[in-house]
């Protein structure tokens, strides 16, 4: 499937393309895929962080592995480790595929967590079930122990339920501001 993902090499971002694994990367053999993602120019974060400067202001971007890693004897998500070595004064953006990690990210000192995984519930009537398996988080903005969390509904479908009903797809633009973040 490497040819199928080759167009991802065309992704360009001012501060780089950053990737954190979700559950399906583990189901598909993550150890084989990691070198592919790196060849495509992606900076892979697995319980680690990187720093960039935006208009002269430092910003830490941290990423964690997915809990699916544990099924393969690999390291599970560790927000504390992902944020290690960072000044307490720097803004810390946590990337976690699963939103249910938000309380741990907040406790570890993340300033904001961005997540996905839920597909927004896919079908409106099953949203309570999706919430139950994801710490109560399904789609949109939340505040978790004082930390903002945004859960994207994503733009695609899940193969297990190839349908969206009353749950629109989204590609979210997150704009960081001095006082938080805005979504469009």
Protein backbone atom coordinates (compact mmCIF):
# COMPACT_ATOMS: atom_id res chain seq x y z
CA UNK A 1 0.00 0.00 0.00
CA UNK A 2 3.03 2.30 0.00
CA UNK A 3 2.05 3.61 -3.44
CA UNK A 4 -1.42 4.46 -2.14
CA UNK A 5 -0.01 6.75 0.54
CA UNK A 6 2.72 8.26 -1.67
CA UNK A 7 0.65 11.45 -2.29
CA UNK A 8 1.09 12.27 1.41
CA UNK A 9 4.63 13.35 0.45
CA UNK A 10 2.94 16.38 -1.15
CA UNK A 11 1.75 17.63 2.25
CA UNK A 12 3.56 20.85 3.00
CA UNK A 13 3.38 22.92 6.17
CA UNK A 14 5.30 25.98 7.22
CA UNK A 15 6.54 24.31 10.40
CA UNK A 16 6.62 20.73 9.13
CA UNK A 17 4.20 17.83 8.88
CA UNK A 18 3.84 16.03 12.20
CA UNK A 19 2.36 12.56 12.59
CA UNK A 20 1.17 10.65 15.65
CA UNK A 21 -0.10 7.09 15.34
CA UNK A 22 -3.67 6.03 15.92
CA UNK A 23 -5.11 2.60 16.52
CA UNK A 24 -5.28 1.63 12.84
CA UNK A 25 -1.56 2.22 12.31
CA UNK A 26 -0.97 -0.50 14.89
CA UNK A 27 -3.54 -2.83 13.31
CA UNK A 28 -1.72 -2.37 9.98
CA UNK A 29 1.79 -3.11 11.27
CA UNK A 30 3.17 0.18 12.56
CA UNK A 31 6.79 -1.00 12.65
CA UNK A 32 6.70 -1.41 8.85
CA UNK A 33 4.90 1.89 8.32
CA UNK A 34 7.10 4.17 10.45
CA UNK A 35 9.97 4.29 7.92
CA UNK A 36 7.44 4.96 5.16
CA UNK A 37 5.96 7.93 7.02
CA UNK A 38 9.45 9.27 7.65
CA UNK A 39 10.42 8.89 3.96
CA UNK A 40 7.27 10.85 3.11
CA UNK A 41 8.70 13.74 5.13
CA UNK A 42 6.61 13.37 8.27
CA UNK A 43 8.04 14.05 11.73
CA UNK A 44 6.74 11.10 13.77
CA UNK A 45 6.15 11.78 17.48
CA UNK A 46 5.75 8.77 19.76
CA UNK A 47 5.79 9.86 23.42
CA UNK A 48 8.13 12.69 22.52
CA UNK A 49 8.10 16.37 21.59
CA UNK A 50 9.58 18.87 19.22
CA UNK A 51 9.74 22.64 19.42
CA UNK A 52 9.09 25.29 16.81
CA UNK A 53 9.06 29.08 16.91
CA UNK A 54 5.97 30.90 15.68
CA UNK A 55 6.58 34.60 15.14
CA UNK A 56 9.46 34.33 17.60
CA UNK A 57 7.40 32.56 20.27
CA UNK A 58 8.38 28.98 21.19
CA UNK A 59 5.73 26.27 20.90
CA UNK A 60 6.19 22.66 21.97
CA UNK A 61 4.33 19.99 20.03
CA UNK A 62 4.11 16.64 21.77
CA UNK A 63 2.65 13.39 20.52
CA UNK A 64 1.77 10.13 22.17
CA UNK A 65 1.37 6.58 20.95
CA UNK A 66 -2.07 4.95 20.94
CA UNK A 67 -3.33 2.50 23.56
CA UNK A 68 -3.52 -0.09 20.75
CA UNK A 69 0.29 -0.29 21.04
CA UNK A 70 -0.13 -2.32 24.21
CA UNK A 71 -1.78 -5.14 22.21
CA UNK A 72 1.53 -5.63 20.35
CA UNK A 73 3.80 -5.32 23.38
CA UNK A 74 4.80 -1.79 22.38
CA UNK A 75 4.96 1.33 24.52
CA UNK A 76 1.55 2.79 25.34
CA UNK A 77 0.75 6.49 25.51
CA UNK A 78 2.73 8.43 28.09
CA UNK A 79 1.86 12.16 28.23
CA UNK A 80 4.38 12.73 31.03
CA UNK A 81 7.20 11.32 28.88
CA UNK A 82 5.94 13.17 25.79
CA UNK A 83 6.18 16.49 27.65
CA UNK A 84 9.45 15.77 29.45
CA UNK A 85 12.30 18.22 29.19
CA UNK A 86 10.06 21.20 28.44
CA UNK A 87 10.06 24.47 30.33
CA UNK A 88 6.93 25.02 32.38
CA UNK A 89 6.54 28.39 30.65
CA UNK A 90 6.28 27.09 27.08
CA UNK A 91 2.89 26.42 25.46
CA UNK A 92 2.50 22.67 25.04
CA UNK A 93 0.27 21.27 22.27
CA UNK A 94 -0.50 17.57 22.81
CA UNK A 95 -1.45 15.39 19.85
CA UNK A 96 -3.29 12.25 20.93
CA UNK A 97 -5.38 10.18 18.56
CA UNK A 98 -7.77 9.22 21.37
CA UNK A 99 -9.51 12.02 23.28
CA UNK A 100 -9.89 9.84 26.38
CA UNK A 101 -6.25 10.61 27.25
CA UNK A 102 -7.16 14.26 27.96
CA UNK A 103 -7.20 14.01 31.79
CA UNK A 104 -3.69 12.51 31.75
CA UNK A 105 -2.49 15.17 29.30
CA UNK A 106 -3.89 17.93 31.50
CA UNK A 107 -2.24 16.44 34.57
CA UNK A 108 1.08 16.23 32.69
CA UNK A 109 0.89 19.94 31.86
CA UNK A 110 -0.40 20.10 28.29
CA UNK A 111 -1.84 23.49 27.29
CA UNK A 112 -4.16 22.05 24.63
CA UNK A 113 -4.91 18.57 23.28
CA UNK A 114 -6.01 17.83 19.73
CA UNK A 115 -7.61 14.46 19.04
CA UNK A 116 -9.73 12.49 16.60
CA UNK A 117 -10.57 8.75 16.70
CA UNK A 118 -14.33 9.09 17.25
CA UNK A 119 -15.32 10.20 13.72
CA UNK A 120 -17.82 12.41 15.54
CA UNK A 121 -19.93 9.37 16.34
CA UNK A 122 -20.66 8.69 12.62
CA UNK A 123 -24.37 8.12 13.20
CA UNK A 124 -26.19 10.52 15.52
CA UNK A 125 -28.14 7.84 17.45
CA UNK A 126 -24.93 5.98 18.42
CA UNK A 127 -23.18 9.10 19.75
CA UNK A 128 -23.83 8.16 23.43
CA UNK A 129 -22.18 4.78 22.83
CA UNK A 130 -19.15 6.41 21.17
CA UNK A 131 -18.96 8.87 24.10
CA UNK A 132 -18.99 6.00 26.61
CA UNK A 133 -15.90 4.47 25.00
CA UNK A 134 -14.03 7.77 24.70
CA UNK A 135 -14.19 9.41 28.11
CA UNK A 136 -17.38 11.29 27.17
CA UNK A 137 -15.66 13.16 24.30
CA UNK A 138 -17.05 12.81 20.77
CA UNK A 139 -16.72 15.99 18.75
CA UNK A 140 -15.83 19.65 19.16
CA UNK A 141 -14.39 21.66 22.04
CA UNK A 142 -14.23 20.57 25.68
CA UNK A 143 -12.41 21.72 28.80
CA UNK A 144 -10.74 18.95 30.78
CA UNK A 145 -9.28 19.87 34.17
CA UNK A 146 -8.69 23.41 32.87
CA UNK A 147 -7.08 22.24 29.60
CA UNK A 148 -8.82 22.83 26.27
CA UNK A 149 -9.47 19.69 24.20
CA UNK A 150 -10.66 19.67 20.60
CA UNK A 151 -11.95 16.45 19.05
CA UNK A 152 -12.19 16.49 15.28
CA UNK A 153 -14.96 14.51 13.60
CA UNK A 154 -12.55 13.88 10.75
CA UNK A 155 -13.18 13.85 7.05
CA UNK A 156 -13.55 10.15 6.38
CA UNK A 157 -15.43 7.05 7.34
CA UNK A 158 -14.57 4.07 9.43
CA UNK A 159 -14.57 0.81 7.50
CA UNK A 160 -16.61 -0.91 10.23
CA UNK A 161 -19.51 1.51 9.65
CA UNK A 162 -19.06 3.10 6.20
CA UNK A 163 -21.80 5.67 6.80
CA UNK A 164 -22.28 9.13 8.29
CA UNK A 165 -25.77 10.10 9.32
CA UNK A 166 -26.38 13.63 10.70
CA UNK A 167 -22.67 13.85 11.59
CA UNK A 168 -20.86 16.02 9.04
CA UNK A 169 -17.25 15.48 8.02
CA UNK A 170 -14.82 18.20 8.97
CA UNK A 171 -11.37 19.50 8.26
CA UNK A 172 -10.71 21.88 11.14
CA UNK A 173 -8.48 24.91 11.07
CA UNK A 174 -7.10 25.53 14.55
CA UNK A 175 -5.80 29.05 15.15
CA UNK A 176 -3.73 29.45 18.31
CA UNK A 177 -4.12 32.83 19.96
CA UNK A 178 -2.58 34.43 23.02
CA UNK A 179 -5.69 33.51 25.02
CA UNK A 180 -6.52 30.04 23.70
CA UNK A 181 -7.62 28.79 20.30
CA UNK A 182 -10.29 29.35 17.68
CA UNK A 183 -11.74 26.77 15.30
CA UNK A 184 -13.08 27.19 11.80
